[in-house]
N, C-alpha and C. Protein backbone atom coordinates (compact mmCIF):
# COMPACT_ATOMS: atom_id res chain seq x y z
N MET A 1 -60.18 129.10 191.73
CA MET A 1 -61.77 129.14 192.24
C MET A 1 -62.01 130.37 192.12
N THR A 2 -63.31 130.35 190.92
CA THR A 2 -63.78 131.44 191.27
C THR A 2 -64.96 131.85 192.00
N PRO A 3 -65.04 132.98 192.65
CA PRO A 3 -66.23 133.13 193.53
C PRO A 3 -67.34 132.83 193.20
N SER A 4 -68.61 132.66 193.96
CA SER A 4 -69.97 132.52 193.28
C SER A 4 -70.68 134.03 193.19
N ILE A 5 -71.54 133.69 192.36
CA ILE A 5 -72.40 134.65 191.97
C ILE A 5 -72.50 135.65 193.42
N GLN A 6 -73.30 134.95 194.43
CA GLN A 6 -73.32 135.43 195.64
C GLN A 6 -72.33 135.90 195.86
N ALA A 7 -71.12 135.81 195.97
CA ALA A 7 -70.17 136.53 196.77
C ALA A 7 -69.82 137.94 195.75
N VAL A 8 -69.93 137.40 194.42
CA VAL A 8 -69.32 138.71 193.80
C VAL A 8 -70.95 140.03 193.93
N GLY A 9 -72.09 139.33 194.11
CA GLY A 9 -73.18 140.60 193.93
C GLY A 9 -72.79 140.96 195.74
N ALA A 10 -72.91 140.44 196.76
CA ALA A 10 -72.22 140.81 197.84
C ALA A 10 -71.22 141.98 198.14
N SER A 11 -70.20 141.68 197.34
CA SER A 11 -69.54 142.67 197.46
C SER A 11 -69.56 143.63 196.22
N LEU A 12 -70.62 143.79 195.17
CA LEU A 12 -70.49 144.73 194.46
C LEU A 12 -71.90 145.45 195.49
N ALA A 13 -72.57 145.03 195.85
CA ALA A 13 -74.01 145.47 197.11
C ALA A 13 -73.14 146.24 197.97
N GLN A 14 -72.31 145.66 198.54
CA GLN A 14 -71.33 146.42 199.95
C GLN A 14 -70.53 147.81 199.26
N SER A 15 -69.53 147.27 198.06
CA SER A 15 -69.67 148.61 197.08
C SER A 15 -70.45 149.56 196.89
N LEU A 16 -71.53 149.31 196.30
CA LEU A 16 -72.16 150.24 195.97
C LEU A 16 -73.31 151.24 197.45
N LEU A 17 -73.41 150.73 198.55
CA LEU A 17 -73.84 150.84 199.70
C LEU A 17 -72.47 151.90 200.18
N GLN A 18 -71.19 151.58 199.68
CA GLN A 18 -70.23 152.16 200.66
C GLN A 18 -70.28 153.71 199.91
N LEU A 19 -70.78 153.26 198.30
CA LEU A 19 -70.39 154.60 197.59
C LEU A 19 -71.47 155.31 197.76
N LYS A 20 -72.83 154.85 198.01
CA LYS A 20 -73.88 155.54 198.43
C LYS A 20 -73.96 156.67 199.78
N THR A 21 -73.57 156.28 200.56
CA THR A 21 -73.69 156.75 202.13
C THR A 21 -71.88 157.24 202.14
N GLU A 22 -70.97 157.85 201.18
CA GLU A 22 -69.85 158.51 201.44
C GLU A 22 -69.99 159.50 200.14
N THR A 23 -70.60 159.56 199.34
CA THR A 23 -71.09 160.65 198.52
C THR A 23 -72.35 161.37 198.91
N LEU A 24 -72.21 162.71 198.69
CA LEU A 24 -73.56 163.64 198.98
C LEU A 24 -74.72 163.15 198.13
N PRO A 25 -75.76 162.85 198.89
CA PRO A 25 -77.46 162.36 198.33
C PRO A 25 -77.73 163.07 197.92
N SER A 26 -77.36 164.62 197.67
CA SER A 26 -78.07 165.92 196.87
C SER A 26 -77.71 165.56 195.39
N LEU A 27 -76.44 164.81 194.85
CA LEU A 27 -75.79 165.16 193.45
C LEU A 27 -77.18 164.24 192.24
N PRO A 28 -77.13 165.07 191.50
CA PRO A 28 -77.94 164.36 190.56
C PRO A 28 -77.50 163.44 190.07
N THR A 29 -78.30 162.44 189.11
CA THR A 29 -77.51 161.38 188.39
C THR A 29 -78.13 161.67 187.25
N ILE A 30 -77.71 161.02 185.60
CA ILE A 30 -78.13 161.60 184.39
C ILE A 30 -79.20 159.92 184.07
N SER A 31 -80.17 160.42 183.99
CA SER A 31 -81.04 158.85 182.94
C SER A 31 -80.85 158.51 182.19
N ALA A 32 -80.71 157.01 182.16
CA ALA A 32 -80.59 156.56 181.19
C ALA A 32 -81.07 156.44 180.35
N ALA A 33 -82.55 156.77 179.85
CA ALA A 33 -83.64 156.21 179.58
C ALA A 33 -84.28 157.95 178.72
N GLY A 34 -84.16 158.92 179.57
CA GLY A 34 -84.69 159.81 179.18
C GLY A 34 -83.77 161.02 178.41
N GLY A 35 -82.09 160.17 179.07
CA GLY A 35 -81.17 161.61 179.07
C GLY A 35 -81.37 162.49 179.58
N GLY A 36 -82.08 162.50 180.51
CA GLY A 36 -82.54 163.78 181.74
C GLY A 36 -81.54 163.82 182.90
N VAL A 37 -81.89 164.73 183.85
CA VAL A 37 -81.22 164.93 184.89
C VAL A 37 -82.03 164.39 186.05
N THR A 38 -81.87 163.66 186.96
CA THR A 38 -82.68 163.40 188.03
C THR A 38 -82.33 162.69 189.51
N SER A 39 -82.66 162.99 190.32
CA SER A 39 -81.88 162.80 191.62
C SER A 39 -82.21 161.25 192.35
N ASP A 40 -83.04 160.26 191.51
CA ASP A 40 -82.90 159.05 192.70
C ASP A 40 -82.07 158.25 191.31
N HIS A 41 -81.49 157.55 192.94
CA HIS A 41 -80.64 156.50 192.70
C HIS A 41 -80.62 155.01 192.08
N SER A 42 -82.00 154.91 191.43
CA SER A 42 -82.95 153.53 190.87
C SER A 42 -82.74 152.91 190.04
N GLY A 43 -82.51 153.79 188.74
CA GLY A 43 -81.96 153.45 187.65
C GLY A 43 -80.63 152.73 187.79
N PHE A 44 -79.56 153.28 188.44
CA PHE A 44 -78.54 152.81 188.31
C PHE A 44 -78.22 151.13 188.96
N ALA A 45 -79.25 151.25 190.28
CA ALA A 45 -79.65 150.13 190.70
C ALA A 45 -80.16 148.91 190.28
N ALA A 46 -81.38 149.72 189.43
CA ALA A 46 -81.94 148.23 188.55
C ALA A 46 -81.14 148.11 187.46
N LEU A 47 -80.04 148.84 187.24
CA LEU A 47 -79.09 148.45 185.87
C LEU A 47 -78.44 146.97 186.55
N ILE A 48 -77.60 147.60 187.76
CA ILE A 48 -76.85 146.29 188.44
C ILE A 48 -77.75 145.12 188.91
N THR A 49 -79.05 145.40 189.37
CA THR A 49 -79.93 144.23 189.95
C THR A 49 -80.41 143.45 188.14
N HIS A 50 -80.19 144.08 187.29
CA HIS A 50 -80.69 143.66 186.13
C HIS A 50 -79.07 142.58 185.73
N GLY A 51 -78.24 143.05 185.72
CA GLY A 51 -77.19 142.47 185.42
C GLY A 51 -76.83 140.91 185.97
N LEU A 52 -77.17 141.30 187.64
CA LEU A 52 -76.93 140.24 188.13
C LEU A 52 -78.16 139.07 188.17
N SER A 53 -79.09 139.40 187.20
CA SER A 53 -80.20 138.60 187.46
C SER A 53 -80.08 137.48 185.80
N ILE A 54 -79.25 138.68 185.08
CA ILE A 54 -78.87 137.79 184.08
C ILE A 54 -77.55 136.67 183.90
N VAL A 55 -77.15 137.20 185.04
CA VAL A 55 -75.38 136.19 185.06
C VAL A 55 -75.90 134.74 185.56
N ALA A 56 -76.95 135.33 186.61
CA ALA A 56 -77.37 134.03 187.65
C ALA A 56 -78.37 133.00 186.84
N GLN A 57 -79.03 133.63 185.68
CA GLN A 57 -79.79 132.87 185.02
C GLN A 57 -78.86 132.29 183.94
N ALA A 58 -77.61 132.88 183.73
CA ALA A 58 -77.13 132.14 182.93
C ALA A 58 -76.36 131.15 183.34
N GLN A 59 -76.02 131.12 184.85
CA GLN A 59 -75.32 129.93 185.51
C GLN A 59 -76.34 128.80 185.53
N ALA A 60 -77.58 129.37 186.39
CA ALA A 60 -78.79 128.30 186.64
C ALA A 60 -78.88 127.50 184.86
N THR A 61 -79.12 128.14 184.03
CA THR A 61 -79.02 127.26 182.59
C THR A 61 -78.17 126.24 182.13
N ALA A 62 -76.27 126.89 182.89
CA ALA A 62 -75.68 125.75 182.40
C ALA A 62 -75.53 125.17 183.52
N GLY A 63 -75.84 125.33 184.46
CA GLY A 63 -76.02 124.10 185.56
C GLY A 63 -76.92 122.90 185.32
N ALA A 64 -78.30 123.31 184.96
CA ALA A 64 -79.29 122.58 184.20
C ALA A 64 -78.60 121.70 183.32
N ASN A 65 -78.02 122.62 182.21
CA ASN A 65 -77.75 121.67 181.00
C ASN A 65 -76.87 120.74 181.37
N GLU A 66 -75.70 121.11 181.98
CA GLU A 66 -74.57 119.98 182.57
C GLU A 66 -75.09 118.75 183.41
N LYS A 67 -76.25 118.97 184.16
CA LYS A 67 -76.83 117.91 184.88
C LYS A 67 -77.53 116.90 184.03
N ALA A 68 -78.15 117.75 183.20
CA ALA A 68 -79.44 116.68 181.99
C ALA A 68 -78.13 116.09 181.24
N PHE A 69 -77.17 116.63 180.92
CA PHE A 69 -76.34 115.74 179.85
C PHE A 69 -75.44 114.76 180.37
N ALA A 70 -75.16 115.19 181.80
CA ALA A 70 -74.84 113.92 182.48
C ALA A 70 -75.88 112.80 182.67
N ALA A 71 -76.87 113.36 183.08
CA ALA A 71 -77.63 112.31 183.27
C ALA A 71 -78.33 111.33 182.34
N GLN A 72 -77.68 111.90 181.02
CA GLN A 72 -78.71 111.46 179.65
C GLN A 72 -79.83 111.26 179.60
N VAL A 73 -80.54 112.64 179.86
CA VAL A 73 -82.31 112.66 180.09
C VAL A 73 -82.56 112.28 178.69
N PRO A 74 -83.94 111.97 178.41
CA PRO A 74 -84.14 111.93 177.04
C PRO A 74 -84.75 113.87 176.86
N GLY A 75 -83.95 114.22 175.70
CA GLY A 75 -84.13 115.43 175.32
C GLY A 75 -82.99 116.43 175.95
N ALA A 76 -82.60 115.91 176.46
CA ALA A 76 -81.03 116.82 176.95
C ALA A 76 -80.20 117.32 175.95
N PRO A 77 -80.00 118.52 176.20
CA PRO A 77 -79.01 119.27 174.94
C PRO A 77 -77.85 118.39 174.94
N SER A 78 -76.99 118.71 173.53
CA SER A 78 -76.31 117.97 173.19
C SER A 78 -74.81 118.66 174.07
N LEU A 79 -73.67 117.99 173.46
CA LEU A 79 -72.45 118.31 174.27
C LEU A 79 -71.82 119.45 174.24
N SER A 80 -71.90 120.14 172.45
CA SER A 80 -71.87 121.14 172.27
C SER A 80 -72.76 122.47 172.62
N GLN A 81 -74.16 121.83 172.87
CA GLN A 81 -74.83 123.04 173.62
C GLN A 81 -74.44 123.52 174.80
N THR A 82 -74.37 121.73 175.59
CA THR A 82 -74.33 122.13 176.95
C THR A 82 -72.31 123.27 177.16
N MET A 83 -71.64 122.58 176.58
CA MET A 83 -70.17 123.48 176.68
C MET A 83 -70.45 125.05 176.11
N LEU A 84 -71.39 125.27 175.16
CA LEU A 84 -71.97 126.66 175.02
C LEU A 84 -72.45 127.17 176.06
N SER A 85 -73.29 126.52 176.73
CA SER A 85 -74.20 127.56 177.94
C SER A 85 -73.14 127.81 178.97
N MET A 86 -72.32 126.63 179.16
CA MET A 86 -71.07 126.42 180.27
C MET A 86 -70.00 128.13 180.05
N GLN A 87 -69.86 128.09 178.53
CA GLN A 87 -68.97 129.24 178.21
C GLN A 87 -69.46 130.88 177.95
N LYS A 88 -70.89 130.42 177.87
CA LYS A 88 -71.60 131.91 178.22
C LYS A 88 -71.75 132.28 179.31
N SER A 89 -72.10 131.51 180.30
CA SER A 89 -72.12 131.65 181.46
C SER A 89 -70.66 132.03 182.22
N GLY A 90 -69.78 131.57 181.99
CA GLY A 90 -68.51 132.10 182.39
C GLY A 90 -68.09 133.38 181.98
N ILE A 91 -68.47 133.35 180.86
CA ILE A 91 -68.05 134.99 179.80
C ILE A 91 -69.04 136.11 180.83
N ALA A 92 -70.21 135.60 180.74
CA ALA A 92 -71.29 136.94 181.73
C ALA A 92 -70.78 136.98 183.20
N PHE A 93 -70.20 135.91 183.68
CA PHE A 93 -69.55 136.02 185.02
C PHE A 93 -68.25 136.81 185.15
N GLN A 94 -67.31 136.60 184.33
CA GLN A 94 -66.33 137.58 184.00
C GLN A 94 -66.46 139.01 183.91
N GLU A 95 -67.73 139.29 182.89
CA GLU A 95 -67.70 140.78 182.67
C GLU A 95 -68.34 141.52 183.93
N LEU A 96 -69.00 140.38 184.83
CA LEU A 96 -69.58 140.72 185.86
C LEU A 96 -68.33 141.30 187.07
N ILE A 97 -67.39 140.45 187.00
CA ILE A 97 -66.11 140.66 187.89
C ILE A 97 -65.54 141.97 187.44
N GLY A 98 -65.58 141.96 186.33
CA GLY A 98 -65.17 143.40 185.45
C GLY A 98 -65.74 144.73 185.65
N ILE A 99 -67.13 144.46 185.49
CA ILE A 99 -67.87 145.91 186.25
C ILE A 99 -67.71 146.20 187.46
N ARG A 100 -67.63 144.81 188.39
CA ARG A 100 -67.29 145.01 189.86
C ARG A 100 -65.96 146.15 190.00
N ASN A 101 -64.98 145.41 189.46
CA ASN A 101 -63.28 145.90 189.55
C ASN A 101 -63.40 147.49 188.79
N GLU A 102 -63.81 147.65 188.04
CA GLU A 102 -64.34 149.04 187.32
C GLU A 102 -64.74 150.47 188.52
N LEU A 103 -66.27 149.93 189.02
CA LEU A 103 -66.54 150.64 189.88
C LEU A 103 -65.49 150.60 191.01
N THR A 104 -64.94 149.81 191.90
CA THR A 104 -64.14 150.05 192.66
C THR A 104 -63.19 150.97 192.15
N ARG A 105 -62.36 150.80 191.29
CA ARG A 105 -61.41 151.67 190.99
C ARG A 105 -61.71 152.92 190.48
N GLY A 106 -63.04 153.06 190.40
CA GLY A 106 -64.10 154.70 189.97
C GLY A 106 -63.78 155.28 191.50
N TYR A 107 -64.59 154.49 192.18
CA TYR A 107 -64.72 154.76 193.74
C TYR A 107 -63.63 154.93 194.10
N THR A 108 -62.36 153.94 193.97
CA THR A 108 -60.82 154.68 195.32
C THR A 108 -60.42 155.90 194.35
N THR A 109 -60.57 156.43 192.95
CA THR A 109 -60.40 157.41 191.99
C THR A 109 -61.36 158.60 192.72
N LEU A 110 -62.55 158.65 193.06
CA LEU A 110 -63.26 159.74 193.53
C LEU A 110 -62.92 160.03 194.72
N ILE A 111 -62.59 159.14 195.77
CA ILE A 111 -62.22 159.48 197.11
C ILE A 111 -60.83 159.76 197.51
N SER A 112 -59.87 159.41 196.56
CA SER A 112 -58.68 160.05 196.77
C SER A 112 -58.18 161.03 195.87
N MET A 113 -59.26 161.74 195.22
CA MET A 113 -59.42 163.06 194.63
C MET A 113 -59.13 164.35 195.92
N PRO A 114 -58.54 165.04 195.41
CA PRO A 114 -58.24 166.42 196.29
C PRO A 114 -59.78 167.16 196.39
N VAL A 115 -59.98 167.58 197.28
CA VAL A 115 -61.20 168.45 197.23
C VAL A 115 -60.72 170.00 197.05
């Protein structure tokens, strides 16, 4: 049984909050857009939020396609389109779990480093 998107999002948010509170707030981050060094953490948070919304949208689309196909609604997607949307949703979810695991592993490595 796979966890829901809300459970993964909550776990990821908790990891990010713990990372944010235990690291030095004055450490600069590298901005992905401009390539420069900035002090705000909104770029990374926005990137994670965007990723969560993509996965949630993929799951909603797959669910809607599945319900429409099962109910044989006129104009509903075909079986192949329904299965494809479900596979896309599953892959996106697995990637999100992989990102969460890498963040957790990085955090653990960072915390266990001697000062």
